[in-house]
Amino acid sequence: MESWCPTAGWPEDPAVPRTVHCSYLQREAEGLDRPPYPGELGQRIFANISKEAWAAWVRHQTMLMNEYRLSPIDPKARKFLVEEMEKFLFGSGSQAPEGYVAPEA
């Protein structure tokens, strides 16, 4: 049987999903399992972004990489993607490239 710790409370139940108030969705949603990015930005994403919002960012990032033909090993491309990620998740939103037409589902 698990014991109660007076400073930490009861251990988290791994069967119960973690919820966050998602900054992107503006509602409560299931949180990420771990920080998806290193450092302070990763912790901010972990605390404020849901799995659903992160999946939306990954799709948007893939589109940006394909449309702009970005290489993940290029430092300029990585800097651009981090800036777009912050805009997408926390700011005014990241825009698709001019002339982009989304594929039909």
N, C-alpha and C. Protein backbone atom coordinates (compact mmCIF):
# COMPACT_ATOMS: atom_id res chain seq x y z
N MET A 1 0.85 -1.18 0.00
CA MET A 1 0.00 0.00 0.00
C MET A 1 0.89 1.24 0.00
N GLU A 2 0.50 2.26 -0.81
CA GLU A 2 1.29 3.48 -0.88
C GLU A 2 1.03 4.32 0.35
N SER A 3 2.08 5.02 0.77
CA SER A 3 1.92 5.85 1.96
C SER A 3 1.79 7.32 1.57
N TRP A 4 1.17 8.07 2.45
CA TRP A 4 0.96 9.49 2.23
C TRP A 4 2.17 10.25 2.71
N CYS A 5 2.61 11.23 1.95
CA CYS A 5 3.75 12.06 2.33
C CYS A 5 3.21 13.45 2.69
N PRO A 6 3.50 13.97 3.91
CA PRO A 6 2.92 15.25 4.31
C PRO A 6 3.34 16.43 3.44
N THR A 7 4.49 16.36 2.78
CA THR A 7 4.92 17.49 1.96
C THR A 7 4.46 17.37 0.51
N ALA A 8 4.26 16.14 0.05
CA ALA A 8 3.88 15.96 -1.36
C ALA A 8 2.45 15.47 -1.53
N GLY A 9 1.81 15.01 -0.48
CA GLY A 9 0.46 14.48 -0.61
C GLY A 9 0.51 13.06 -1.15
N TRP A 10 -0.60 12.61 -1.71
CA TRP A 10 -0.67 11.26 -2.26
C TRP A 10 0.07 11.22 -3.58
N PRO A 11 0.73 10.12 -3.87
CA PRO A 11 1.39 9.99 -5.17
C PRO A 11 0.35 10.08 -6.29
N GLU A 12 0.78 10.61 -7.44
CA GLU A 12 -0.14 10.69 -8.57
C GLU A 12 -0.46 9.29 -9.08
N ASP A 13 -1.70 9.10 -9.46
CA ASP A 13 -2.14 7.83 -10.03
C ASP A 13 -1.85 7.87 -11.54
N PRO A 14 -0.96 7.01 -12.04
CA PRO A 14 -0.62 7.05 -13.47
C PRO A 14 -1.81 6.71 -14.36
N ALA A 15 -2.86 6.08 -13.82
CA ALA A 15 -4.03 5.74 -14.63
C ALA A 15 -4.93 6.95 -14.86
N VAL A 16 -4.75 8.00 -14.05
CA VAL A 16 -5.56 9.21 -14.19
C VAL A 16 -4.77 10.22 -15.01
N PRO A 17 -5.30 10.62 -16.18
CA PRO A 17 -4.56 11.57 -17.01
C PRO A 17 -4.41 12.93 -16.33
N ARG A 18 -3.29 13.56 -16.55
CA ARG A 18 -3.00 14.89 -16.03
C ARG A 18 -3.77 15.90 -16.87
N THR A 19 -4.40 16.87 -16.25
CA THR A 19 -5.11 17.89 -17.00
C THR A 19 -4.44 19.25 -16.80
N VAL A 20 -4.57 20.08 -17.82
CA VAL A 20 -4.04 21.45 -17.78
C VAL A 20 -5.10 22.38 -18.35
N HIS A 21 -5.02 23.65 -17.98
CA HIS A 21 -5.82 24.65 -18.69
C HIS A 21 -4.97 25.05 -19.89
N CYS A 22 -5.36 24.56 -21.07
CA CYS A 22 -4.55 24.73 -22.27
C CYS A 22 -4.65 26.17 -22.79
N SER A 23 -3.49 26.82 -22.92
CA SER A 23 -3.44 28.19 -23.43
C SER A 23 -3.90 28.27 -24.88
N TYR A 24 -3.66 27.23 -25.64
CA TYR A 24 -4.02 27.21 -27.05
C TYR A 24 -5.53 26.98 -27.23
N LEU A 25 -6.07 25.97 -26.55
CA LEU A 25 -7.48 25.62 -26.69
C LEU A 25 -8.40 26.48 -25.81
N GLN A 26 -7.82 27.13 -24.81
CA GLN A 26 -8.59 27.94 -23.85
C GLN A 26 -9.63 27.12 -23.10
N ARG A 27 -9.22 25.89 -22.71
CA ARG A 27 -10.10 25.03 -21.92
C ARG A 27 -9.26 23.95 -21.24
N GLU A 28 -9.86 23.26 -20.30
CA GLU A 28 -9.21 22.14 -19.65
C GLU A 28 -9.09 20.98 -20.63
N ALA A 29 -7.93 20.34 -20.65
CA ALA A 29 -7.70 19.21 -21.55
C ALA A 29 -6.59 18.35 -20.98
N GLU A 30 -6.46 17.15 -21.53
CA GLU A 30 -5.42 16.23 -21.08
C GLU A 30 -4.04 16.80 -21.37
N GLY A 31 -3.19 16.80 -20.33
CA GLY A 31 -1.85 17.34 -20.46
C GLY A 31 -0.87 16.35 -21.07
N LEU A 32 0.26 16.86 -21.44
CA LEU A 32 1.34 16.03 -21.99
C LEU A 32 1.92 15.13 -20.91
N ASP A 33 2.50 14.02 -21.31
CA ASP A 33 3.10 13.08 -20.37
C ASP A 33 4.46 13.55 -19.86
N ARG A 34 5.14 14.36 -20.67
CA ARG A 34 6.47 14.87 -20.31
C ARG A 34 6.73 16.13 -21.13
N PRO A 35 7.67 16.96 -20.70
CA PRO A 35 8.00 18.14 -21.50
C PRO A 35 8.47 17.72 -22.90
N PRO A 36 7.91 18.33 -23.95
CA PRO A 36 8.24 17.91 -25.31
C PRO A 36 9.44 18.63 -25.89
N TYR A 37 10.00 19.55 -25.13
CA TYR A 37 11.09 20.39 -25.62
C TYR A 37 11.99 20.69 -24.43
N PRO A 38 13.28 20.86 -24.63
CA PRO A 38 14.17 21.09 -23.49
C PRO A 38 14.02 22.50 -22.90
N GLY A 39 14.50 22.63 -21.68
CA GLY A 39 14.63 23.95 -21.06
C GLY A 39 13.33 24.56 -20.57
N GLU A 40 13.43 25.87 -20.36
CA GLU A 40 12.31 26.64 -19.82
C GLU A 40 11.09 26.59 -20.74
N LEU A 41 11.31 26.68 -22.04
CA LEU A 41 10.20 26.62 -22.98
C LEU A 41 9.49 25.27 -22.89
N GLY A 42 10.24 24.20 -22.76
CA GLY A 42 9.64 22.87 -22.61
C GLY A 42 8.79 22.76 -21.37
N GLN A 43 9.26 23.36 -20.27
CA GLN A 43 8.49 23.34 -19.03
C GLN A 43 7.22 24.17 -19.16
N ARG A 44 7.33 25.30 -19.87
CA ARG A 44 6.15 26.16 -20.09
C ARG A 44 5.11 25.41 -20.94
N ILE A 45 5.56 24.71 -21.96
CA ILE A 45 4.66 23.92 -22.80
C ILE A 45 4.03 22.82 -21.96
N PHE A 46 4.82 22.11 -21.18
CA PHE A 46 4.32 21.02 -20.34
C PHE A 46 3.24 21.50 -19.38
N ALA A 47 3.42 22.69 -18.81
CA ALA A 47 2.48 23.22 -17.82
C ALA A 47 1.22 23.81 -18.44
N ASN A 48 1.29 24.25 -19.71
CA ASN A 48 0.19 25.05 -20.27
C ASN A 48 -0.41 24.54 -21.58
N ILE A 49 0.10 23.45 -22.13
CA ILE A 49 -0.36 22.99 -23.44
C ILE A 49 -0.83 21.54 -23.34
N SER A 50 -1.94 21.25 -23.98
CA SER A 50 -2.53 19.91 -23.94
C SER A 50 -1.95 19.02 -25.05
N LYS A 51 -2.24 17.73 -24.92
CA LYS A 51 -1.83 16.78 -25.96
C LYS A 51 -2.46 17.16 -27.29
N GLU A 52 -3.72 17.54 -27.27
CA GLU A 52 -4.43 17.91 -28.50
C GLU A 52 -3.76 19.12 -29.18
N ALA A 53 -3.41 20.14 -28.40
CA ALA A 53 -2.76 21.32 -28.95
C ALA A 53 -1.36 20.99 -29.46
N TRP A 54 -0.63 20.14 -28.73
CA TRP A 54 0.70 19.77 -29.18
C TRP A 54 0.63 19.01 -30.51
N ALA A 55 -0.36 18.12 -30.64
CA ALA A 55 -0.53 17.39 -31.90
C ALA A 55 -0.84 18.36 -33.04
N ALA A 56 -1.63 19.40 -32.77
CA ALA A 56 -1.93 20.42 -33.79
C ALA A 56 -0.64 21.14 -34.20
N TRP A 57 0.21 21.45 -33.19
CA TRP A 57 1.48 22.10 -33.52
C TRP A 57 2.36 21.19 -34.38
N VAL A 58 2.45 19.92 -34.04
CA VAL A 58 3.30 18.99 -34.80
C VAL A 58 2.84 18.93 -36.25
N ARG A 59 1.52 18.91 -36.49
CA ARG A 59 1.01 18.93 -37.87
C ARG A 59 1.39 20.24 -38.57
N HIS A 60 1.25 21.36 -37.86
CA HIS A 60 1.58 22.66 -38.44
C HIS A 60 3.09 22.75 -38.73
N GLN A 61 3.89 22.27 -37.79
CA GLN A 61 5.34 22.28 -37.97
C GLN A 61 5.74 21.45 -39.19
N THR A 62 5.12 20.30 -39.36
CA THR A 62 5.41 19.44 -40.51
C THR A 62 5.09 20.17 -41.81
N MET A 63 3.95 20.87 -41.82
CA MET A 63 3.59 21.64 -43.01
C MET A 63 4.62 22.73 -43.26
N LEU A 64 5.04 23.46 -42.22
CA LEU A 64 6.05 24.51 -42.39
C LEU A 64 7.35 23.93 -42.94
N MET A 65 7.79 22.82 -42.39
CA MET A 65 9.04 22.20 -42.83
C MET A 65 8.95 21.77 -44.30
N ASN A 66 7.81 21.22 -44.68
CA ASN A 66 7.64 20.78 -46.06
C ASN A 66 7.53 21.96 -47.03
N GLU A 67 6.72 22.94 -46.68
CA GLU A 67 6.48 24.06 -47.59
C GLU A 67 7.71 24.94 -47.75
N TYR A 68 8.44 25.16 -46.65
CA TYR A 68 9.64 26.00 -46.71
C TYR A 68 10.90 25.17 -46.97
N ARG A 69 10.74 23.85 -47.06
CA ARG A 69 11.86 22.94 -47.28
C ARG A 69 12.97 23.14 -46.24
N LEU A 70 12.54 23.11 -44.99
CA LEU A 70 13.47 23.34 -43.87
C LEU A 70 14.17 22.05 -43.48
N SER A 71 15.41 22.18 -43.07
CA SER A 71 16.18 21.06 -42.55
C SER A 71 16.26 21.20 -41.03
N PRO A 72 15.92 20.14 -40.30
CA PRO A 72 15.98 20.23 -38.84
C PRO A 72 17.40 20.39 -38.28
N ILE A 73 18.42 20.19 -39.11
CA ILE A 73 19.80 20.37 -38.63
C ILE A 73 20.33 21.77 -38.89
N ASP A 74 19.57 22.58 -39.64
CA ASP A 74 19.97 23.95 -39.93
C ASP A 74 19.61 24.86 -38.75
N PRO A 75 20.58 25.52 -38.12
CA PRO A 75 20.29 26.38 -36.97
C PRO A 75 19.26 27.48 -37.27
N LYS A 76 19.29 28.06 -38.48
CA LYS A 76 18.31 29.09 -38.84
C LYS A 76 16.90 28.50 -38.89
N ALA A 77 16.78 27.29 -39.42
CA ALA A 77 15.48 26.63 -39.50
C ALA A 77 14.96 26.31 -38.11
N ARG A 78 15.83 25.82 -37.23
CA ARG A 78 15.41 25.51 -35.85
C ARG A 78 14.95 26.77 -35.14
N LYS A 79 15.69 27.87 -35.30
CA LYS A 79 15.31 29.15 -34.68
C LYS A 79 13.94 29.59 -35.20
N PHE A 80 13.74 29.51 -36.51
CA PHE A 80 12.46 29.87 -37.11
C PHE A 80 11.33 29.01 -36.53
N LEU A 81 11.55 27.69 -36.41
CA LEU A 81 10.51 26.80 -35.91
C LEU A 81 10.19 27.06 -34.44
N VAL A 82 11.19 27.40 -33.64
CA VAL A 82 10.93 27.73 -32.23
C VAL A 82 10.09 29.00 -32.14
N GLU A 83 10.42 30.00 -32.96
CA GLU A 83 9.64 31.24 -32.97
C GLU A 83 8.20 30.97 -33.40
N GLU A 84 8.04 30.14 -34.43
CA GLU A 84 6.69 29.81 -34.91
C GLU A 84 5.93 28.98 -33.86
N MET A 85 6.64 28.09 -33.16
CA MET A 85 6.00 27.29 -32.13
C MET A 85 5.45 28.18 -31.01
N GLU A 86 6.24 29.16 -30.57
CA GLU A 86 5.77 30.06 -29.52
C GLU A 86 4.57 30.87 -30.01
N LYS A 87 4.61 31.35 -31.25
CA LYS A 87 3.47 32.10 -31.79
C LYS A 87 2.24 31.20 -31.88
N PHE A 88 2.43 29.98 -32.36
CA PHE A 88 1.33 29.04 -32.55
C PHE A 88 0.67 28.68 -31.22
N LEU A 89 1.47 28.35 -30.23
CA LEU A 89 0.93 27.85 -28.96
C LEU A 89 0.52 28.95 -27.98
N PHE A 90 1.25 30.08 -27.98
CA PHE A 90 1.03 31.09 -26.95
C PHE A 90 0.68 32.48 -27.48
N GLY A 91 0.86 32.70 -28.76
CA GLY A 91 0.72 34.06 -29.27
C GLY A 91 -0.41 34.21 -30.27
N SER A 92 -0.12 35.00 -31.27
CA SER A 92 -1.13 35.36 -32.27
C SER A 92 -1.38 34.25 -33.29
N GLY A 93 -0.59 33.20 -33.24
CA GLY A 93 -0.75 32.10 -34.18
C GLY A 93 0.30 32.15 -35.27
N SER A 94 0.67 31.01 -35.75
CA SER A 94 1.63 30.88 -36.84
C SER A 94 0.85 30.72 -38.13
N GLN A 95 1.20 31.49 -39.13
CA GLN A 95 0.48 31.46 -40.39
C GLN A 95 1.10 30.46 -41.36
N ALA A 96 0.24 29.92 -42.21
CA ALA A 96 0.73 29.06 -43.29
C ALA A 96 1.44 29.93 -44.33
N PRO A 97 2.35 29.39 -45.09
CA PRO A 97 3.01 30.15 -46.13
C PRO A 97 2.01 30.72 -47.14
N GLU A 98 2.33 31.87 -47.70
CA GLU A 98 1.45 32.49 -48.68
C GLU A 98 1.22 31.53 -49.85
N GLY A 99 -0.02 31.38 -50.23
CA GLY A 99 -0.36 30.50 -51.34
C GLY A 99 -0.54 29.05 -50.95
N TYR A 100 -0.37 28.71 -49.67
CA TYR A 100 -0.51 27.32 -49.23
C TYR A 100 -1.96 26.88 -49.35
N VAL A 101 -2.17 25.71 -49.93
CA VAL A 101 -3.49 25.11 -50.02
C VAL A 101 -3.42 23.77 -49.30
N ALA A 102 -4.22 23.65 -48.25
CA ALA A 102 -4.22 22.42 -47.46
C ALA A 102 -4.74 21.25 -48.30
N PRO A 103 -4.13 20.08 -48.16
CA PRO A 103 -4.62 18.91 -48.90
C PRO A 103 -6.01 18.52 -48.39
N GLU A 104 -6.80 18.00 -49.28
CA GLU A 104 -8.14 17.56 -48.88
C GLU A 104 -8.02 16.26 -48.09
N ALA A 105 -8.79 16.19 -47.02
CA ALA A 105 -8.72 15.01 -46.15
C ALA A 105 -9.52 13.86 -46.71
